[in-house]
């Protein structure tokens, strides 16, 4: 069953390849959706796919790429939008 999660990551997560690494990890897990920087320094993402794979990606988000310093990851389970592919939004 397809699930969807909206995720907001706070901490030092911009300028450390967080979006690119999230895209790569999502694609490797077969997750659809997007990731983007927010004006206040946070990163926001939408993940769609199998719930266990989404949970694995959320777990990765709690660590992020090597230079990231993640403080908090907020997750909201929402209705899937039907995304195809995984993209960085600008």
N, C-alpha and C. Protein backbone atom coordinates (compact mmCIF):
# COMPACT_ATOMS: atom_id res chain seq x y z
N UNK A 1 0.84 -1.18 0.00
CA UNK A 1 0.00 0.00 0.00
C UNK A 1 0.88 1.24 0.00
N UNK A 2 0.57 2.18 -0.86
CA UNK A 2 1.33 3.41 -0.96
C UNK A 2 1.01 4.32 0.22
N UNK A 3 2.05 4.90 0.77
CA UNK A 3 1.93 5.87 1.86
C UNK A 3 2.66 7.13 1.45
N UNK A 4 2.47 8.18 2.24
CA UNK A 4 3.14 9.44 1.97
C UNK A 4 3.45 10.14 3.28
N UNK A 5 4.65 10.71 3.35
CA UNK A 5 5.08 11.43 4.55
C UNK A 5 5.68 12.77 4.15
N UNK A 6 5.25 13.82 4.84
CA UNK A 6 5.86 15.14 4.68
C UNK A 6 6.84 15.29 5.83
N UNK A 7 8.06 15.65 5.50
CA UNK A 7 9.15 15.66 6.48
C UNK A 7 9.79 17.05 6.51
N UNK A 8 10.08 17.53 7.72
CA UNK A 8 10.79 18.80 7.89
C UNK A 8 12.00 18.53 8.77
N UNK A 9 13.17 18.89 8.25
CA UNK A 9 14.44 18.63 8.94
C UNK A 9 15.03 19.96 9.38
N UNK A 10 15.36 20.08 10.66
CA UNK A 10 15.97 21.30 11.18
C UNK A 10 17.39 21.01 11.64
N UNK A 11 18.18 22.06 11.65
CA UNK A 11 19.58 21.95 12.05
C UNK A 11 20.45 22.61 10.99
N UNK A 12 21.71 22.21 10.91
CA UNK A 12 22.62 22.68 9.86
C UNK A 12 22.50 21.72 8.69
N UNK A 13 21.48 21.97 7.86
CA UNK A 13 21.15 21.03 6.79
C UNK A 13 21.15 21.67 5.40
N UNK A 14 21.55 22.93 5.30
CA UNK A 14 21.70 23.56 3.99
C UNK A 14 23.18 23.81 3.74
N UNK A 15 23.58 23.66 2.48
CA UNK A 15 24.98 23.86 2.12
C UNK A 15 25.86 22.66 2.43
N UNK A 16 25.23 21.50 2.70
CA UNK A 16 25.98 20.27 3.03
C UNK A 16 25.55 19.10 2.14
N UNK A 17 24.94 19.42 0.99
CA UNK A 17 24.46 18.41 0.02
C UNK A 17 23.32 17.57 0.56
N UNK A 18 22.55 18.12 1.51
CA UNK A 18 21.43 17.37 2.09
C UNK A 18 20.40 17.02 1.03
N UNK A 19 20.02 17.99 0.18
CA UNK A 19 19.00 17.71 -0.85
C UNK A 19 19.49 16.66 -1.84
N UNK A 20 20.70 16.80 -2.33
CA UNK A 20 21.23 15.85 -3.32
C UNK A 20 21.34 14.44 -2.74
N UNK A 21 21.81 14.35 -1.52
CA UNK A 21 21.95 13.03 -0.89
C UNK A 21 20.59 12.42 -0.58
N UNK A 22 19.61 13.26 -0.20
CA UNK A 22 18.25 12.76 0.03
C UNK A 22 17.68 12.22 -1.27
N UNK A 23 17.87 12.96 -2.37
CA UNK A 23 17.40 12.49 -3.67
C UNK A 23 18.03 11.15 -4.02
N UNK A 24 19.33 11.03 -3.85
CA UNK A 24 20.02 9.78 -4.18
C UNK A 24 19.50 8.61 -3.34
N UNK A 25 19.33 8.84 -2.04
CA UNK A 25 18.85 7.78 -1.15
C UNK A 25 17.41 7.40 -1.50
N UNK A 26 16.57 8.41 -1.77
CA UNK A 26 15.18 8.14 -2.14
C UNK A 26 15.11 7.31 -3.42
N UNK A 27 15.88 7.69 -4.41
CA UNK A 27 15.87 6.95 -5.67
C UNK A 27 16.34 5.51 -5.47
N UNK A 28 17.35 5.32 -4.62
CA UNK A 28 17.85 3.96 -4.38
C UNK A 28 16.81 3.09 -3.68
N UNK A 29 15.90 3.72 -2.93
CA UNK A 29 14.85 2.99 -2.22
C UNK A 29 13.55 2.89 -3.01
N UNK A 30 13.50 3.51 -4.18
CA UNK A 30 12.28 3.50 -4.98
C UNK A 30 11.20 4.42 -4.43
N UNK A 31 11.61 5.49 -3.76
CA UNK A 31 10.67 6.46 -3.18
C UNK A 31 10.48 7.60 -4.17
N UNK A 32 9.23 8.05 -4.32
CA UNK A 32 8.90 9.19 -5.16
C UNK A 32 8.70 10.42 -4.29
N UNK A 33 8.79 11.60 -4.92
CA UNK A 33 8.52 12.83 -4.20
C UNK A 33 9.49 13.93 -4.54
N UNK A 34 9.81 14.75 -3.53
CA UNK A 34 10.68 15.91 -3.75
C UNK A 34 11.32 16.33 -2.45
N UNK A 35 12.34 17.20 -2.58
CA UNK A 35 13.02 17.79 -1.43
C UNK A 35 13.38 19.22 -1.80
N UNK A 36 13.33 20.13 -0.80
CA UNK A 36 13.65 21.54 -1.08
C UNK A 36 14.17 22.22 0.18
N UNK A 37 14.94 23.28 -0.03
CA UNK A 37 15.37 24.14 1.07
C UNK A 37 14.24 25.11 1.39
N UNK A 38 14.10 25.46 2.67
CA UNK A 38 13.15 26.48 3.09
C UNK A 38 13.93 27.73 3.48
N UNK A 39 13.31 28.90 3.37
CA UNK A 39 14.00 30.16 3.65
C UNK A 39 14.65 30.24 5.04
N UNK A 40 14.09 29.62 6.04
CA UNK A 40 14.64 29.71 7.39
C UNK A 40 15.82 28.81 7.69
N UNK A 41 16.25 28.01 6.70
CA UNK A 41 17.39 27.12 6.91
C UNK A 41 17.04 25.66 7.06
N UNK A 42 15.73 25.35 7.10
CA UNK A 42 15.29 23.96 7.20
C UNK A 42 15.22 23.33 5.81
N UNK A 43 15.04 22.01 5.79
CA UNK A 43 14.80 21.27 4.56
C UNK A 43 13.45 20.59 4.71
N UNK A 44 12.66 20.61 3.64
CA UNK A 44 11.35 19.98 3.61
C UNK A 44 11.33 18.95 2.50
N UNK A 45 10.64 17.84 2.73
CA UNK A 45 10.57 16.79 1.71
C UNK A 45 9.22 16.10 1.76
N UNK A 46 8.86 15.50 0.65
CA UNK A 46 7.67 14.66 0.56
C UNK A 46 8.11 13.31 0.02
N UNK A 47 7.80 12.26 0.76
CA UNK A 47 8.18 10.91 0.36
C UNK A 47 6.92 10.08 0.10
N UNK A 48 6.89 9.38 -1.03
CA UNK A 48 5.77 8.50 -1.36
C UNK A 48 6.29 7.13 -1.78
N UNK A 49 5.63 6.09 -1.29
CA UNK A 49 6.02 4.73 -1.65
C UNK A 49 5.62 3.76 -0.56
N UNK A 50 6.34 2.65 -0.49
CA UNK A 50 6.06 1.64 0.53
C UNK A 50 6.44 2.18 1.91
N UNK A 51 5.58 1.95 2.88
CA UNK A 51 5.76 2.53 4.21
C UNK A 51 7.11 2.17 4.83
N UNK A 52 7.54 0.93 4.71
CA UNK A 52 8.81 0.52 5.31
C UNK A 52 9.99 1.23 4.67
N UNK A 53 9.92 1.44 3.36
CA UNK A 53 11.00 2.16 2.68
C UNK A 53 11.00 3.64 3.06
N UNK A 54 9.81 4.20 3.23
CA UNK A 54 9.72 5.59 3.71
C UNK A 54 10.32 5.69 5.10
N UNK A 55 10.01 4.75 5.97
CA UNK A 55 10.57 4.76 7.32
C UNK A 55 12.10 4.65 7.29
N UNK A 56 12.62 3.86 6.36
CA UNK A 56 14.07 3.74 6.22
C UNK A 56 14.68 5.08 5.79
N UNK A 57 14.01 5.77 4.87
CA UNK A 57 14.49 7.07 4.41
C UNK A 57 14.41 8.11 5.53
N UNK A 58 13.34 8.08 6.31
CA UNK A 58 13.21 9.00 7.44
C UNK A 58 14.33 8.74 8.45
N UNK A 59 14.64 7.48 8.68
CA UNK A 59 15.74 7.14 9.59
C UNK A 59 17.05 7.72 9.08
N UNK A 60 17.28 7.62 7.76
CA UNK A 60 18.48 8.22 7.17
C UNK A 60 18.47 9.74 7.37
N UNK A 61 17.31 10.37 7.23
CA UNK A 61 17.19 11.83 7.38
C UNK A 61 17.62 12.28 8.77
N UNK A 62 17.47 11.43 9.76
CA UNK A 62 17.86 11.79 11.12
C UNK A 62 19.39 11.92 11.25
N UNK A 63 20.13 11.32 10.32
CA UNK A 63 21.59 11.45 10.29
C UNK A 63 22.01 12.41 9.18
N UNK A 64 21.47 12.20 7.98
CA UNK A 64 21.82 13.02 6.82
C UNK A 64 23.21 12.73 6.32
N UNK A 65 23.69 13.56 5.39
CA UNK A 65 25.04 13.38 4.85
C UNK A 65 26.09 13.73 5.90
N UNK A 66 27.35 13.39 5.65
CA UNK A 66 28.41 13.54 6.67
C UNK A 66 28.53 14.92 7.31
N UNK A 67 28.37 16.02 6.57
CA UNK A 67 28.57 17.35 7.14
C UNK A 67 27.30 17.97 7.75
N UNK A 68 26.18 17.26 7.67
CA UNK A 68 24.94 17.78 8.24
C UNK A 68 24.94 17.60 9.76
N UNK A 69 24.24 18.51 10.43
CA UNK A 69 24.02 18.39 11.87
C UNK A 69 22.51 18.50 12.09
N UNK A 70 21.85 17.36 12.09
CA UNK A 70 20.39 17.31 12.20
C UNK A 70 20.00 17.48 13.67
N UNK A 71 19.10 18.42 13.91
CA UNK A 71 18.59 18.63 15.26
C UNK A 71 17.26 17.93 15.47
N UNK A 72 16.39 18.00 14.46
CA UNK A 72 15.05 17.44 14.62
C UNK A 72 14.48 17.06 13.25
N UNK A 73 13.68 16.00 13.25
CA UNK A 73 12.96 15.59 12.04
C UNK A 73 11.49 15.44 12.42
N UNK A 74 10.65 16.29 11.85
CA UNK A 74 9.20 16.21 12.07
C UNK A 74 8.58 15.47 10.89
N UNK A 75 7.69 14.52 11.20
CA UNK A 75 7.05 13.71 10.17
C UNK A 75 5.54 13.82 10.30
N UNK A 76 4.89 14.07 9.18
CA UNK A 76 3.43 14.08 9.12
C UNK A 76 3.00 13.12 8.01
N UNK A 77 2.25 12.09 8.37
CA UNK A 77 1.74 11.14 7.38
C UNK A 77 0.51 11.75 6.72
N UNK A 78 0.54 11.84 5.39
CA UNK A 78 -0.53 12.49 4.64
C UNK A 78 -0.99 11.59 3.50
N UNK A 79 -2.03 12.04 2.81
CA UNK A 79 -2.55 11.32 1.65
C UNK A 79 -1.56 11.45 0.49
N UNK A 80 -1.22 10.35 -0.20
CA UNK A 80 -0.30 10.42 -1.34
C UNK A 80 -0.82 11.36 -2.44
N UNK A 81 0.11 12.07 -3.08
CA UNK A 81 -0.22 12.99 -4.17
C UNK A 81 -0.07 12.35 -5.53
N UNK A 82 0.59 11.20 -5.60
CA UNK A 82 0.78 10.53 -6.89
C UNK A 82 2.02 11.00 -7.63
N UNK A 83 3.05 11.39 -6.90
CA UNK A 83 4.31 11.81 -7.53
C UNK A 83 4.96 10.64 -8.25
N UNK A 84 5.68 10.96 -9.30
CA UNK A 84 6.49 9.98 -10.02
C UNK A 84 7.90 10.55 -10.11
N UNK A 85 8.89 9.75 -9.80
CA UNK A 85 10.26 10.23 -9.77
C UNK A 85 10.54 10.96 -8.48
N UNK A 86 11.77 11.37 -8.29
CA UNK A 86 12.15 12.14 -7.10
C UNK A 86 13.02 13.30 -7.55
N UNK A 87 12.62 14.52 -7.18
CA UNK A 87 13.28 15.72 -7.67
C UNK A 87 13.65 16.68 -6.55
N UNK A 88 14.65 17.51 -6.84
CA UNK A 88 14.98 18.63 -5.98
C UNK A 88 14.16 19.81 -6.48
N UNK A 89 13.45 20.45 -5.58
CA UNK A 89 12.69 21.65 -5.94
C UNK A 89 13.50 22.88 -5.54
N UNK A 90 13.47 23.88 -6.41
CA UNK A 90 14.21 25.12 -6.17
C UNK A 90 13.24 26.27 -5.96
